Amino acid sequence: MRCAWIENYKPNPLMTAYHDEEWGRPFAGSDAALFELLTLEIFQAGLSWETVINKRANFMAAFADFDLPTVANFTDEDVARLMQDAGIIRNRMKIAATINNAQVILSMQARGQSFLDYMWAFTAGQTIDHHIDKMSAIPAQDELSQRVAKQMKRDGFKFTGPVAMYSFLQGMGVINDHEVTCEFNPNQLGA
């Protein structure tokens, strides 16, 4: 049994794997992997998650496996190349935001703070569990995502509004919005 939202999509092994193995699980990976998730959430804005997840491998290739120093040093020529890449979502503002965000994360790391620690600090390392009983109870944003979005903007991040940040916080498991009956709810898995 899975969350009802996954049933809104036609059967897709990429979507199913994302739901089952990543979404809502407390993220403890590298800053590069978290940067990937942030980037995918930014490109998803205004589109469906399925559109982005189907292009995930293309995004990995286009953005140098989300290697932060490489992306931070992308040039105007790289932007022009990405704007011609039909394998990704070609949006100049989102591409520019991705390059900018890599630079912000590198600057953060240079000051001795990881992006992972930065994100988990918003909840003092704790997952916010909304104990969702039906999909309609999931908001598009909340006070936490609004606070995160404001702080990230102050810290120089781009394209990180409260709706995108709510989705990002869900994806990285800061917010657990798995339905309580979902077999993949981290609470059911003992995570």
Foldseek 3Di string as FASTA:
>chain_A
DFACVLVVDDDDPLSVCLRQPFFQDAADDALLVLLLLLLLLLQCVVHHSVLSSVLSVVVCVLCVNSPLVSLLPDDPVSLVVQCPDPSGPRDSQSSVLSNQVSVLQVVCVVVPDHPSCVVCVLVPNAAAEPQAAHPVVDDLFDPSLQVVQVVVVVSRHPSRHRSSSSSSCRRNNSYQPIHPPRCSRCVNVVD
